[in-house]
Amino acid sequence: MRFAVLSDIHSNLPALEAVRAALPAVDGIICCGDITGYYCHPNEVCAILREMNVRTIRGNHDTCITGLADAGINSEAYRTEWTRHTLLKDHFDWLAALPPELTFTAPDGLTIRVRHASPWDEITYLYPDSHRLNEVVLGKDEWLLCGHTHRPLFHRTAAGGVIANPGAVGQPRDRDPRASWAMLDTVARTFEVHRTEYPVAALQRHLESLHWPRNVIDILSRTS
């Protein structure tokens, strides 16, 4: 089976629309959370994921927006209150009901476990040089798909399982402003990261007109 893997869309509608247009035929779409937060189209993004029957979980931003966690001093940058009051009730309820984890097994025997950040919580960052990668225990033919870092990662564990991160659709942080997503082939056991261009400058101009936080605007085009 072939699954498109998305993460960290962050209410960035132009990026999600570009990725959707770039997707080849797939057997399903997986989202590793953080559907909302940061940007200005939470209702449209929720509607697209629901329409496409995406298998999705919640992320840390989603938990803050639905009141399951406290954004604290990050509330303004996260656009927590704005998003909470902008979301239609139907989308809010859908977001609040998302689980923290999904696990399923493909017909070819690959077990896929989906978390936002790590096996333990929705806030621990698993970077390629993170010492906590050594604490992840996966069985043979078990893959852990996660996001949160906004950087693509492919790391094989000693136990034979795989940790894979598609990067961020809505706010990449690896100095490449193009939307990042991945294709998982469960038969070939491959995970290919793809980059898709979208009109970043146009989105930034729109955000400026809405008086969005400057740092949240600027990070969209960061290349160095």
N, C-alpha and C. Protein backbone atom coordinates (compact mmCIF):
# COMPACT_ATOMS: atom_id res chain seq x y z
N MET A 1 0.83 -1.20 0.00
CA MET A 1 0.00 0.00 0.00
C MET A 1 0.87 1.25 0.00
N ARG A 2 0.31 2.32 -0.54
CA ARG A 2 1.01 3.60 -0.59
C ARG A 2 0.21 4.65 0.18
N PHE A 3 0.89 5.25 1.17
CA PHE A 3 0.27 6.29 1.98
C PHE A 3 1.03 7.60 1.83
N ALA A 4 0.30 8.69 1.58
CA ALA A 4 0.89 10.01 1.71
C ALA A 4 0.90 10.37 3.19
N VAL A 5 2.02 10.89 3.67
CA VAL A 5 2.17 11.22 5.08
C VAL A 5 2.39 12.73 5.21
N LEU A 6 1.49 13.38 5.94
CA LEU A 6 1.55 14.83 6.16
C LEU A 6 1.71 15.10 7.65
N SER A 7 2.17 16.29 7.96
CA SER A 7 2.21 16.71 9.37
C SER A 7 2.32 18.22 9.43
N ASP A 8 1.96 18.78 10.56
CA ASP A 8 2.19 20.19 10.87
C ASP A 8 1.71 21.10 9.73
N ILE A 9 0.43 20.99 9.42
CA ILE A 9 -0.18 21.82 8.38
C ILE A 9 -0.39 23.24 8.89
N HIS A 10 -0.76 23.38 10.13
CA HIS A 10 -0.83 24.67 10.83
C HIS A 10 -1.70 25.70 10.11
N SER A 11 -2.89 25.28 9.70
CA SER A 11 -3.86 26.22 9.11
C SER A 11 -3.32 26.95 7.89
N ASN A 12 -2.34 26.35 7.22
CA ASN A 12 -1.75 26.95 6.01
C ASN A 12 -2.46 26.35 4.80
N LEU A 13 -3.53 27.00 4.37
CA LEU A 13 -4.34 26.49 3.28
C LEU A 13 -3.60 26.44 1.94
N PRO A 14 -2.87 27.49 1.54
CA PRO A 14 -2.18 27.41 0.24
C PRO A 14 -1.20 26.24 0.17
N ALA A 15 -0.50 25.97 1.27
CA ALA A 15 0.45 24.86 1.27
C ALA A 15 -0.28 23.53 1.15
N LEU A 16 -1.38 23.37 1.90
CA LEU A 16 -2.12 22.11 1.84
C LEU A 16 -2.74 21.90 0.46
N GLU A 17 -3.27 22.96 -0.14
CA GLU A 17 -3.85 22.83 -1.47
C GLU A 17 -2.80 22.43 -2.50
N ALA A 18 -1.59 22.97 -2.38
CA ALA A 18 -0.52 22.61 -3.31
C ALA A 18 -0.12 21.16 -3.14
N VAL A 19 -0.03 20.71 -1.91
CA VAL A 19 0.32 19.30 -1.66
C VAL A 19 -0.77 18.39 -2.18
N ARG A 20 -2.02 18.73 -1.92
CA ARG A 20 -3.12 17.91 -2.42
C ARG A 20 -3.07 17.79 -3.94
N ALA A 21 -2.76 18.88 -4.62
CA ALA A 21 -2.68 18.85 -6.08
C ALA A 21 -1.50 18.00 -6.56
N ALA A 22 -0.46 17.91 -5.75
CA ALA A 22 0.75 17.17 -6.14
C ALA A 22 0.67 15.68 -5.84
N LEU A 23 -0.31 15.27 -5.03
CA LEU A 23 -0.38 13.87 -4.62
C LEU A 23 -0.70 12.95 -5.79
N PRO A 24 0.05 11.86 -5.94
CA PRO A 24 -0.32 10.83 -6.89
C PRO A 24 -1.44 9.96 -6.31
N ALA A 25 -1.84 8.94 -7.03
CA ALA A 25 -2.83 8.01 -6.50
C ALA A 25 -2.25 7.29 -5.29
N VAL A 26 -3.01 7.28 -4.20
CA VAL A 26 -2.56 6.63 -2.96
C VAL A 26 -3.69 5.79 -2.39
N ASP A 27 -3.33 4.90 -1.48
CA ASP A 27 -4.33 4.08 -0.80
C ASP A 27 -4.88 4.77 0.44
N GLY A 28 -4.22 5.82 0.88
CA GLY A 28 -4.69 6.54 2.05
C GLY A 28 -3.76 7.69 2.37
N ILE A 29 -4.21 8.58 3.24
CA ILE A 29 -3.42 9.73 3.68
C ILE A 29 -3.38 9.71 5.20
N ILE A 30 -2.20 9.95 5.74
CA ILE A 30 -1.99 9.97 7.19
C ILE A 30 -1.52 11.37 7.58
N CYS A 31 -2.03 11.89 8.69
CA CYS A 31 -1.57 13.17 9.21
C CYS A 31 -1.11 13.00 10.64
N CYS A 32 0.10 13.49 10.94
CA CYS A 32 0.70 13.33 12.27
C CYS A 32 0.40 14.50 13.20
N GLY A 33 -0.68 15.22 12.95
CA GLY A 33 -1.11 16.24 13.90
C GLY A 33 -0.64 17.65 13.61
N ASP A 34 -1.02 18.56 14.49
CA ASP A 34 -0.84 20.00 14.34
C ASP A 34 -1.49 20.48 13.05
N ILE A 35 -2.76 20.25 13.00
CA ILE A 35 -3.60 20.69 11.89
C ILE A 35 -3.78 22.20 11.95
N THR A 36 -3.85 22.73 13.16
CA THR A 36 -4.17 24.14 13.37
C THR A 36 -2.99 24.87 14.02
N GLY A 37 -3.22 26.14 14.34
CA GLY A 37 -2.20 26.96 14.95
C GLY A 37 -1.40 27.73 13.92
N TYR A 38 -0.83 28.85 14.32
CA TYR A 38 0.07 29.71 13.54
C TYR A 38 -0.63 30.53 12.44
N TYR A 39 -1.38 29.88 11.54
CA TYR A 39 -1.85 30.60 10.37
C TYR A 39 -3.37 30.73 10.31
N CYS A 40 -3.92 31.19 9.21
CA CYS A 40 -5.23 31.83 9.24
C CYS A 40 -6.37 31.09 8.56
N HIS A 41 -6.20 29.83 8.23
CA HIS A 41 -7.29 29.10 7.56
C HIS A 41 -7.62 27.78 8.28
N PRO A 42 -7.93 27.82 9.57
CA PRO A 42 -8.19 26.57 10.28
C PRO A 42 -9.44 25.84 9.78
N ASN A 43 -10.50 26.57 9.47
CA ASN A 43 -11.73 25.90 9.02
C ASN A 43 -11.55 25.22 7.67
N GLU A 44 -10.88 25.90 6.75
CA GLU A 44 -10.66 25.33 5.43
C GLU A 44 -9.78 24.08 5.49
N VAL A 45 -8.74 24.13 6.33
CA VAL A 45 -7.84 22.99 6.46
C VAL A 45 -8.56 21.80 7.09
N CYS A 46 -9.32 22.05 8.14
CA CYS A 46 -10.09 20.96 8.76
C CYS A 46 -11.07 20.36 7.75
N ALA A 47 -11.72 21.20 6.98
CA ALA A 47 -12.69 20.71 6.00
C ALA A 47 -12.04 19.81 4.96
N ILE A 48 -10.85 20.18 4.49
CA ILE A 48 -10.16 19.37 3.48
C ILE A 48 -9.76 18.02 4.05
N LEU A 49 -9.19 17.99 5.25
CA LEU A 49 -8.78 16.72 5.84
C LEU A 49 -9.98 15.81 6.06
N ARG A 50 -11.08 16.38 6.49
CA ARG A 50 -12.28 15.57 6.71
C ARG A 50 -12.86 15.07 5.38
N GLU A 51 -12.86 15.92 4.40
CA GLU A 51 -13.37 15.54 3.08
C GLU A 51 -12.55 14.42 2.47
N MET A 52 -11.23 14.43 2.70
CA MET A 52 -10.33 13.43 2.11
C MET A 52 -10.19 12.18 2.98
N ASN A 53 -10.93 12.13 4.08
CA ASN A 53 -10.88 10.98 4.99
C ASN A 53 -9.45 10.66 5.45
N VAL A 54 -8.75 11.71 5.82
CA VAL A 54 -7.36 11.55 6.27
C VAL A 54 -7.35 10.89 7.65
N ARG A 55 -6.49 9.89 7.82
CA ARG A 55 -6.28 9.30 9.15
C ARG A 55 -5.39 10.25 9.93
N THR A 56 -5.96 10.90 10.94
CA THR A 56 -5.19 11.93 11.61
C THR A 56 -5.30 11.83 13.13
N ILE A 57 -4.29 12.39 13.76
CA ILE A 57 -4.25 12.50 15.22
C ILE A 57 -4.12 13.98 15.57
N ARG A 58 -4.17 14.26 16.86
CA ARG A 58 -4.00 15.64 17.29
C ARG A 58 -2.51 15.93 17.54
N GLY A 59 -2.15 17.20 17.49
CA GLY A 59 -0.82 17.64 17.87
C GLY A 59 -0.89 18.57 19.06
N ASN A 60 0.25 19.10 19.49
CA ASN A 60 0.26 19.95 20.67
C ASN A 60 -0.50 21.25 20.44
N HIS A 61 -0.45 21.82 19.24
CA HIS A 61 -1.22 23.02 18.96
C HIS A 61 -2.72 22.73 19.02
N ASP A 62 -3.10 21.59 18.48
CA ASP A 62 -4.52 21.22 18.50
C ASP A 62 -5.03 21.05 19.92
N THR A 63 -4.19 20.51 20.80
CA THR A 63 -4.62 20.34 22.20
C THR A 63 -4.76 21.69 22.90
N CYS A 64 -3.88 22.65 22.55
CA CYS A 64 -4.00 23.98 23.15
C CYS A 64 -5.26 24.68 22.68
N ILE A 65 -5.54 24.58 21.40
CA ILE A 65 -6.70 25.28 20.83
C ILE A 65 -8.01 24.70 21.37
N THR A 66 -8.05 23.40 21.59
CA THR A 66 -9.30 22.78 22.08
C THR A 66 -9.37 22.75 23.60
N GLY A 67 -8.37 23.30 24.28
CA GLY A 67 -8.42 23.41 25.73
C GLY A 67 -7.91 22.22 26.49
N LEU A 68 -7.30 21.26 25.78
CA LEU A 68 -6.74 20.09 26.45
C LEU A 68 -5.36 20.35 27.04
N ALA A 69 -4.75 21.47 26.63
CA ALA A 69 -3.46 21.88 27.17
C ALA A 69 -3.41 23.40 27.15
N ASP A 70 -2.42 23.97 27.83
CA ASP A 70 -2.29 25.42 27.95
C ASP A 70 -1.09 25.89 27.13
N ALA A 71 -1.31 26.79 26.19
CA ALA A 71 -0.21 27.31 25.37
C ALA A 71 0.68 28.26 26.15
N GLY A 72 0.20 28.81 27.24
CA GLY A 72 1.01 29.69 28.07
C GLY A 72 1.49 30.92 27.32
N ILE A 73 2.79 31.23 27.46
CA ILE A 73 3.35 32.43 26.84
C ILE A 73 3.39 32.34 25.32
N ASN A 74 3.17 31.14 24.77
CA ASN A 74 3.20 30.98 23.32
C ASN A 74 1.85 31.23 22.66
N SER A 75 0.86 31.58 23.44
CA SER A 75 -0.50 31.68 22.93
C SER A 75 -0.63 32.64 21.75
N GLU A 76 0.04 33.80 21.80
CA GLU A 76 -0.08 34.77 20.73
C GLU A 76 0.56 34.25 19.44
N ALA A 77 1.78 33.72 19.53
CA ALA A 77 2.45 33.18 18.35
C ALA A 77 1.69 31.98 17.79
N TYR A 78 1.19 31.15 18.66
CA TYR A 78 0.42 29.99 18.21
C TYR A 78 -0.92 30.39 17.60
N ARG A 79 -1.37 31.62 17.90
CA ARG A 79 -2.70 32.11 17.49
C ARG A 79 -3.79 31.24 18.11
N THR A 80 -3.58 30.86 19.36
CA THR A 80 -4.47 29.94 20.05
C THR A 80 -5.88 30.51 20.21
N GLU A 81 -5.98 31.68 20.82
CA GLU A 81 -7.30 32.26 21.07
C GLU A 81 -8.00 32.63 19.77
N TRP A 82 -7.26 33.20 18.83
CA TRP A 82 -7.85 33.57 17.53
C TRP A 82 -8.44 32.33 16.85
N THR A 83 -7.66 31.25 16.83
CA THR A 83 -8.13 30.03 16.18
C THR A 83 -9.33 29.44 16.90
N ARG A 84 -9.27 29.44 18.22
CA ARG A 84 -10.37 28.88 19.01
C ARG A 84 -11.68 29.60 18.70
N HIS A 85 -11.63 30.91 18.55
CA HIS A 85 -12.84 31.67 18.30
C HIS A 85 -13.23 31.69 16.83
N THR A 86 -12.30 31.29 15.95
CA THR A 86 -12.57 31.30 14.51
C THR A 86 -13.14 29.96 14.04
N LEU A 87 -12.75 28.88 14.69
CA LEU A 87 -13.20 27.56 14.27
C LEU A 87 -14.71 27.41 14.39
N LEU A 88 -15.32 26.88 13.35
CA LEU A 88 -16.72 26.51 13.43
C LEU A 88 -16.89 25.39 14.45
N LYS A 89 -18.03 25.34 15.09
CA LYS A 89 -18.24 24.35 16.16
C LYS A 89 -18.02 22.92 15.66
N ASP A 90 -18.48 22.62 14.47
CA ASP A 90 -18.33 21.27 13.94
C ASP A 90 -16.86 20.89 13.79
N HIS A 91 -16.05 21.82 13.31
CA HIS A 91 -14.62 21.55 13.16
C HIS A 91 -13.93 21.51 14.53
N PHE A 92 -14.34 22.39 15.43
CA PHE A 92 -13.78 22.38 16.79
C PHE A 92 -14.04 21.03 17.46
N ASP A 93 -15.26 20.55 17.37
CA ASP A 93 -15.62 19.27 18.00
C ASP A 93 -14.83 18.12 17.37
N TRP A 94 -14.67 18.16 16.05
CA TRP A 94 -13.89 17.13 15.37
C TRP A 94 -12.44 17.14 15.84
N LEU A 95 -11.88 18.33 15.93
CA LEU A 95 -10.49 18.47 16.37
C LEU A 95 -10.32 17.98 17.80
N ALA A 96 -11.25 18.34 18.67
CA ALA A 96 -11.17 17.96 20.08
C ALA A 96 -11.29 16.45 20.28
N ALA A 97 -11.94 15.78 19.34
CA ALA A 97 -12.15 14.33 19.46
C ALA A 97 -11.02 13.51 18.87
N LEU A 98 -10.05 14.14 18.24
CA LEU A 98 -8.96 13.38 17.63
C LEU A 98 -8.13 12.69 18.71
N PRO A 99 -7.67 11.46 18.45
CA PRO A 99 -6.87 10.74 19.44
C PRO A 99 -5.41 11.19 19.40
N PRO A 100 -4.65 10.88 20.45
CA PRO A 100 -3.21 11.20 20.44
C PRO A 100 -2.39 10.18 19.65
N GLU A 101 -3.01 9.05 19.29
CA GLU A 101 -2.25 7.98 18.63
C GLU A 101 -3.17 7.14 17.75
N LEU A 102 -2.64 6.68 16.64
CA LEU A 102 -3.31 5.70 15.79
C LEU A 102 -2.34 4.56 15.52
N THR A 103 -2.84 3.34 15.52
CA THR A 103 -2.02 2.18 15.16
C THR A 103 -2.85 1.26 14.28
N PHE A 104 -2.29 0.86 13.17
CA PHE A 104 -2.96 -0.10 12.30
C PHE A 104 -1.91 -0.90 11.54
N THR A 105 -2.32 -2.02 10.99
CA THR A 105 -1.41 -2.90 10.26
C THR A 105 -1.87 -3.01 8.81
N ALA A 106 -0.95 -2.75 7.89
CA ALA A 106 -1.24 -2.86 6.46
C ALA A 106 -1.36 -4.34 6.08
N PRO A 107 -2.01 -4.65 4.96
CA PRO A 107 -2.17 -6.05 4.55
C PRO A 107 -0.86 -6.80 4.37
N ASP A 108 0.22 -6.08 4.06
CA ASP A 108 1.51 -6.75 3.88
C ASP A 108 2.26 -6.96 5.19
N GLY A 109 1.64 -6.61 6.31
CA GLY A 109 2.23 -6.92 7.61
C GLY A 109 2.95 -5.78 8.29
N LEU A 110 3.05 -4.61 7.66
CA LEU A 110 3.73 -3.49 8.29
C LEU A 110 2.78 -2.82 9.30
N THR A 111 3.22 -2.73 10.54
CA THR A 111 2.46 -2.03 11.57
C THR A 111 2.86 -0.57 11.58
N ILE A 112 1.87 0.30 11.48
CA ILE A 112 2.11 1.74 11.43
C ILE A 112 1.54 2.37 12.68
N ARG A 113 2.40 3.06 13.42
CA ARG A 113 2.00 3.76 14.63
C ARG A 113 2.19 5.26 14.39
N VAL A 114 1.17 6.03 14.63
CA VAL A 114 1.20 7.47 14.34
C VAL A 114 1.11 8.25 15.64
N ARG A 115 2.12 9.07 15.89
CA ARG A 115 2.14 9.97 17.04
C ARG A 115 2.54 11.36 16.54
N HIS A 116 2.28 12.39 17.34
CA HIS A 116 2.69 13.72 16.88
C HIS A 116 4.17 13.97 17.12
N ALA A 117 4.62 13.79 18.35
CA ALA A 117 5.99 14.16 18.69
C ALA A 117 6.86 12.97 19.03
N SER A 118 6.36 12.11 19.91
CA SER A 118 7.15 10.98 20.40
C SER A 118 6.20 9.91 20.92
N PRO A 119 6.71 8.74 21.26
CA PRO A 119 5.83 7.70 21.82
C PRO A 119 5.25 8.07 23.18
N TRP A 120 5.84 9.08 23.86
CA TRP A 120 5.45 9.36 25.25
C TRP A 120 4.51 10.55 25.39
N ASP A 121 4.64 11.54 24.50
CA ASP A 121 3.85 12.76 24.68
C ASP A 121 3.78 13.51 23.36
N GLU A 122 3.20 14.70 23.41
CA GLU A 122 3.02 15.51 22.20
C GLU A 122 3.95 16.71 22.16
N ILE A 123 5.01 16.71 23.01
CA ILE A 123 5.90 17.87 23.05
C ILE A 123 7.39 17.52 22.95
N THR A 124 7.78 16.27 23.12
CA THR A 124 9.20 15.89 23.06
C THR A 124 9.67 15.88 21.61
N TYR A 125 10.73 16.62 21.33
CA TYR A 125 11.27 16.69 19.97
C TYR A 125 12.24 15.54 19.72
N LEU A 126 12.04 14.82 18.63
CA LEU A 126 12.95 13.76 18.22
C LEU A 126 13.72 14.21 16.98
N TYR A 127 14.85 14.91 17.22
CA TYR A 127 15.71 15.33 16.13
C TYR A 127 16.67 14.20 15.76
N PRO A 128 17.33 14.26 14.60
CA PRO A 128 18.25 13.19 14.21
C PRO A 128 19.36 12.94 15.24
N ASP A 129 19.75 13.98 16.01
CA ASP A 129 20.82 13.81 16.99
C ASP A 129 20.28 13.70 18.42
N SER A 130 18.98 13.51 18.56
CA SER A 130 18.38 13.44 19.89
C SER A 130 18.77 12.14 20.60
N HIS A 131 19.23 12.26 21.83
CA HIS A 131 19.59 11.06 22.60
C HIS A 131 18.35 10.23 22.91
N ARG A 132 17.18 10.83 22.86
CA ARG A 132 15.96 10.10 23.20
C ARG A 132 15.54 9.14 22.08
N LEU A 133 16.13 9.28 20.91
CA LEU A 133 15.86 8.29 19.86
C LEU A 133 16.23 6.89 20.33
N ASN A 134 17.25 6.81 21.18
CA ASN A 134 17.68 5.51 21.69
C ASN A 134 16.67 4.89 22.64
N GLU A 135 15.72 5.67 23.12
CA GLU A 135 14.71 5.15 24.04
C GLU A 135 13.48 4.60 23.31
N VAL A 136 13.41 4.85 22.00
CA VAL A 136 12.26 4.37 21.23
C VAL A 136 12.44 2.89 20.93
N VAL A 137 11.48 2.10 21.35
CA VAL A 137 11.53 0.65 21.14
C VAL A 137 10.44 0.27 20.14
N LEU A 138 10.86 -0.28 19.01
CA LEU A 138 9.93 -0.71 17.97
C LEU A 138 10.21 -2.15 17.59
N GLY A 139 9.17 -2.88 17.28
CA GLY A 139 9.35 -4.25 16.85
C GLY A 139 9.71 -4.33 15.38
N LYS A 140 10.07 -5.51 14.94
CA LYS A 140 10.34 -5.73 13.53
C LYS A 140 9.06 -5.45 12.73
N ASP A 141 9.21 -4.79 11.59
CA ASP A 141 8.06 -4.41 10.76
C ASP A 141 7.10 -3.48 11.48
N GLU A 142 7.64 -2.63 12.34
CA GLU A 142 6.84 -1.59 12.99
C GLU A 142 7.45 -0.22 12.68
N TRP A 143 6.64 0.69 12.19
CA TRP A 143 7.09 2.03 11.87
C TRP A 143 6.38 3.04 12.77
N LEU A 144 7.14 4.00 13.27
CA LEU A 144 6.59 5.12 14.02
C LEU A 144 6.66 6.36 13.14
N LEU A 145 5.50 6.92 12.81
CA LEU A 145 5.42 8.15 12.03
C LEU A 145 5.13 9.30 12.99
N CYS A 146 5.94 10.34 12.92
CA CYS A 146 5.73 11.48 13.81
C CYS A 146 6.13 12.77 13.10
N GLY A 147 5.76 13.90 13.71
CA GLY A 147 6.08 15.22 13.16
C GLY A 147 6.72 16.08 14.21
N HIS A 148 6.15 17.28 14.43
CA HIS A 148 6.50 18.18 15.53
C HIS A 148 7.79 18.97 15.32
N THR A 149 8.84 18.36 14.76
CA THR A 149 10.10 19.07 14.58
C THR A 149 10.08 20.01 13.38
N HIS A 150 9.15 19.81 12.48
CA HIS A 150 9.07 20.58 11.23
C HIS A 150 10.28 20.32 10.33
N ARG A 151 10.96 19.21 10.57
CA ARG A 151 12.10 18.80 9.76
C ARG A 151 11.96 17.32 9.43
N PRO A 152 12.18 16.94 8.17
CA PRO A 152 12.08 15.52 7.83
C PRO A 152 13.19 14.70 8.48
N LEU A 153 12.84 13.49 8.89
CA LEU A 153 13.79 12.59 9.56
C LEU A 153 13.52 11.16 9.13
N PHE A 154 14.58 10.43 8.88
CA PHE A 154 14.45 8.99 8.61
C PHE A 154 15.50 8.28 9.42
N HIS A 155 15.08 7.45 10.37
CA HIS A 155 16.03 6.86 11.30
C HIS A 155 15.63 5.41 11.59
N ARG A 156 16.53 4.50 11.32
CA ARG A 156 16.26 3.09 11.61
C ARG A 156 16.72 2.76 13.04
N THR A 157 15.88 2.07 13.77
CA THR A 157 16.26 1.67 15.11
C THR A 157 16.98 0.33 15.07
N ALA A 158 17.71 0.03 16.12
CA ALA A 158 18.48 -1.22 16.16
C ALA A 158 17.57 -2.43 16.19
N ALA A 159 16.36 -2.24 16.67
CA ALA A 159 15.44 -3.38 16.80
C ALA A 159 14.78 -3.75 15.47
N GLY A 160 15.05 -2.99 14.43
CA GLY A 160 14.48 -3.32 13.13
C GLY A 160 13.30 -2.47 12.74
N GLY A 161 12.79 -1.67 13.66
CA GLY A 161 11.70 -0.76 13.32
C GLY A 161 12.24 0.53 12.74
N VAL A 162 11.34 1.43 12.35
CA VAL A 162 11.75 2.67 11.70
C VAL A 162 10.98 3.84 12.28
N ILE A 163 11.69 4.94 12.55
CA ILE A 163 11.06 6.20 12.90
C ILE A 163 11.15 7.09 11.66
N ALA A 164 10.03 7.67 11.25
CA ALA A 164 10.03 8.51 10.06
C ALA A 164 9.22 9.77 10.30
N ASN A 165 9.71 10.89 9.79
CA ASN A 165 9.07 12.20 9.96
C ASN A 165 8.99 12.86 8.59
N PRO A 166 7.80 13.25 8.12
CA PRO A 166 7.66 13.83 6.79
C PRO A 166 8.03 15.30 6.70
N GLY A 167 8.38 15.94 7.83
CA GLY A 167 8.56 17.38 7.84
C GLY A 167 7.21 18.09 7.91
N ALA A 168 7.20 19.38 7.68
CA ALA A 168 5.99 20.19 7.85
C ALA A 168 5.43 20.66 6.52
N VAL A 169 4.13 20.48 6.37
CA VAL A 169 3.44 21.06 5.22
C VAL A 169 3.38 22.58 5.38
N GLY A 170 2.99 23.03 6.55
CA GLY A 170 2.63 24.44 6.71
C GLY A 170 3.69 25.38 7.21
N GLN A 171 4.78 24.86 7.81
CA GLN A 171 5.83 25.75 8.30
C GLN A 171 7.16 24.99 8.40
N PRO A 172 7.80 24.68 7.27
CA PRO A 172 9.09 23.99 7.31
C PRO A 172 10.14 24.81 8.06
N ARG A 173 11.02 24.11 8.78
CA ARG A 173 12.08 24.79 9.53
C ARG A 173 13.46 24.27 9.16
N ASP A 174 13.59 23.70 7.97
CA ASP A 174 14.88 23.16 7.55
C ASP A 174 15.49 24.02 6.44
N ARG A 175 15.14 25.31 6.43
CA ARG A 175 15.68 26.29 5.48
C ARG A 175 15.23 26.05 4.05
N ASP A 176 14.19 25.29 3.86
CA ASP A 176 13.57 25.09 2.55
C ASP A 176 12.10 25.44 2.70
N PRO A 177 11.65 26.58 2.13
CA PRO A 177 10.28 27.03 2.38
C PRO A 177 9.20 26.20 1.72
N ARG A 178 9.56 25.30 0.84
CA ARG A 178 8.54 24.47 0.18
C ARG A 178 7.88 23.53 1.17
N ALA A 179 6.59 23.25 0.95
CA ALA A 179 5.87 22.31 1.81
C ALA A 179 6.54 20.95 1.76
N SER A 180 6.65 20.30 2.90
CA SER A 180 7.31 19.00 3.00
C SER A 180 6.28 17.93 3.37
N TRP A 181 6.35 16.82 2.66
CA TRP A 181 5.48 15.67 2.94
C TRP A 181 6.20 14.42 2.46
N ALA A 182 5.62 13.24 2.67
CA ALA A 182 6.32 12.01 2.32
C ALA A 182 5.38 10.97 1.75
N MET A 183 5.98 9.99 1.07
CA MET A 183 5.24 8.86 0.54
C MET A 183 5.79 7.58 1.18
N LEU A 184 4.92 6.85 1.86
CA LEU A 184 5.29 5.58 2.48
C LEU A 184 4.76 4.43 1.63
N ASP A 185 5.66 3.56 1.19
CA ASP A 185 5.28 2.35 0.46
C ASP A 185 5.47 1.18 1.42
N THR A 186 4.38 0.57 1.86
CA THR A 186 4.48 -0.47 2.88
C THR A 186 5.02 -1.78 2.33
N VAL A 187 4.92 -1.99 1.01
CA VAL A 187 5.46 -3.21 0.41
C VAL A 187 6.96 -3.09 0.24
N ALA A 188 7.40 -1.98 -0.36
CA ALA A 188 8.83 -1.76 -0.59
C ALA A 188 9.54 -1.31 0.68
N ARG A 189 8.78 -0.92 1.70
CA ARG A 189 9.34 -0.38 2.95
C ARG A 189 10.20 0.85 2.67
N THR A 190 9.66 1.76 1.86
CA THR A 190 10.37 2.99 1.53
C THR A 190 9.59 4.19 2.03
N PHE A 191 10.33 5.26 2.30
CA PHE A 191 9.75 6.51 2.80
C PHE A 191 10.46 7.64 2.07
N GLU A 192 9.78 8.24 1.10
CA GLU A 192 10.39 9.27 0.27
C GLU A 192 9.81 10.64 0.62
N VAL A 193 10.69 11.57 0.96
CA VAL A 193 10.27 12.94 1.28
C VAL A 193 10.16 13.74 -0.02
N HIS A 194 9.07 14.49 -0.15
CA HIS A 194 8.83 15.33 -1.32
C HIS A 194 8.69 16.78 -0.87
N ARG A 195 9.04 17.71 -1.77
CA ARG A 195 8.87 19.13 -1.51
C ARG A 195 7.99 19.73 -2.61
N THR A 196 7.04 20.55 -2.20
CA THR A 196 6.08 21.14 -3.12
C THR A 196 6.05 22.65 -2.94
N GLU A 197 6.23 23.37 -4.02
CA GLU A 197 6.18 24.82 -3.98
C GLU A 197 4.74 25.31 -3.84
N TYR A 198 4.57 26.43 -3.16
CA TYR A 198 3.27 27.09 -3.08
C TYR A 198 3.53 28.59 -2.96
N PRO A 199 2.52 29.44 -3.14
CA PRO A 199 2.75 30.89 -3.15
C PRO A 199 3.00 31.47 -1.76
N VAL A 200 4.23 31.31 -1.29
CA VAL A 200 4.59 31.76 0.05
C VAL A 200 4.44 33.28 0.18
N ALA A 201 4.96 34.03 -0.79
CA ALA A 201 4.94 35.49 -0.70
C ALA A 201 3.52 36.02 -0.65
N ALA A 202 2.64 35.41 -1.41
CA ALA A 202 1.24 35.86 -1.40
C ALA A 202 0.60 35.62 -0.04
N LEU A 203 0.90 34.48 0.57
CA LEU A 203 0.39 34.21 1.91
C LEU A 203 0.95 35.20 2.91
N GLN A 204 2.23 35.52 2.80
CA GLN A 204 2.83 36.47 3.72
C GLN A 204 2.19 37.85 3.61
N ARG A 205 1.89 38.26 2.39
CA ARG A 205 1.22 39.56 2.20
C ARG A 205 -0.17 39.54 2.83
N HIS A 206 -0.86 38.43 2.69
CA HIS A 206 -2.19 38.32 3.29
C HIS A 206 -2.10 38.37 4.81
N LEU A 207 -1.12 37.69 5.38
CA LEU A 207 -0.94 37.70 6.83
C LEU A 207 -0.58 39.10 7.33
N GLU A 208 0.21 39.82 6.57
CA GLU A 208 0.54 41.19 6.94
C GLU A 208 -0.71 42.06 6.99
N SER A 209 -1.61 41.84 6.05
CA SER A 209 -2.86 42.62 6.04
C SER A 209 -3.73 42.30 7.25
N LEU A 210 -3.53 41.14 7.83
CA LEU A 210 -4.27 40.74 9.03
C LEU A 210 -3.53 41.10 10.32
N HIS A 211 -2.37 41.76 10.17
CA HIS A 211 -1.53 42.15 11.32
C HIS A 211 -1.08 40.95 12.13
N TRP A 212 -0.64 39.93 11.43
CA TRP A 212 -0.15 38.70 12.07
C TRP A 212 1.21 38.95 12.72
N PRO A 213 1.61 38.18 13.72
CA PRO A 213 2.94 38.35 14.33
C PRO A 213 4.05 38.25 13.28
N ARG A 214 4.98 39.21 13.31
CA ARG A 214 6.02 39.30 12.28
C ARG A 214 6.87 38.04 12.20
N ASN A 215 7.24 37.46 13.35
CA ASN A 215 8.11 36.29 13.32
C ASN A 215 7.41 35.09 12.72
N VAL A 216 6.09 35.00 12.90
CA VAL A 216 5.33 33.88 12.35
C VAL A 216 5.22 34.02 10.82
N ILE A 217 5.21 35.25 10.34
CA ILE A 217 5.21 35.50 8.90
C ILE A 217 6.57 35.19 8.30
N ASP A 218 7.63 35.71 8.94
CA ASP A 218 8.97 35.61 8.36
C ASP A 218 9.49 34.19 8.25
N ILE A 219 9.11 33.33 9.19
CA ILE A 219 9.66 31.97 9.18
C ILE A 219 9.24 31.18 7.94
N LEU A 220 8.15 31.61 7.30
CA LEU A 220 7.67 30.90 6.11
C LEU A 220 8.65 30.95 4.95
N SER A 221 9.45 32.01 4.87
CA SER A 221 10.37 32.14 3.74
C SER A 221 11.84 32.01 4.14
N ARG A 222 12.10 31.55 5.35
CA ARG A 222 13.48 31.46 5.82
C ARG A 222 14.27 30.43 5.03
N THR A 223 15.41 30.82 4.52
CA THR A 223 16.26 29.91 3.75
C THR A 223 17.69 29.84 4.28
N SER A 224 17.99 30.56 5.34
CA SER A 224 19.36 30.53 5.89
C SER A 224 19.32 30.75 7.40
